[in-house]
């Protein structure tokens, strides 16, 4: 069983708190379904399974809590502040 670490910095941040509850729930569901590196190959299947909207996924992307990868629509999820994600994205690329 792998452990998921969600940061209090993220969930208590203004950016996260301003998201609709459906987008917040999607963030957690994507994180739980991601592999140990934070990748999920089919994020839309998670969106549909919890009754979220694609716009919730778009919001997560726009605030930097998820990053869409060119390689097959893979999502990369982070458990730190969105502004810190930019360095990790460069490392992964």
Foldseek 3Di string as FASTA:
>chain_A
DDDFDAAPCQCVDPLNVPQPPLLNVLLVQQRVQAPPQQKDQCSVVSCVVVVHDVVSVVSCCVLQQWDFDPPRRIIGGDRHHNVVVVVVVVVVD
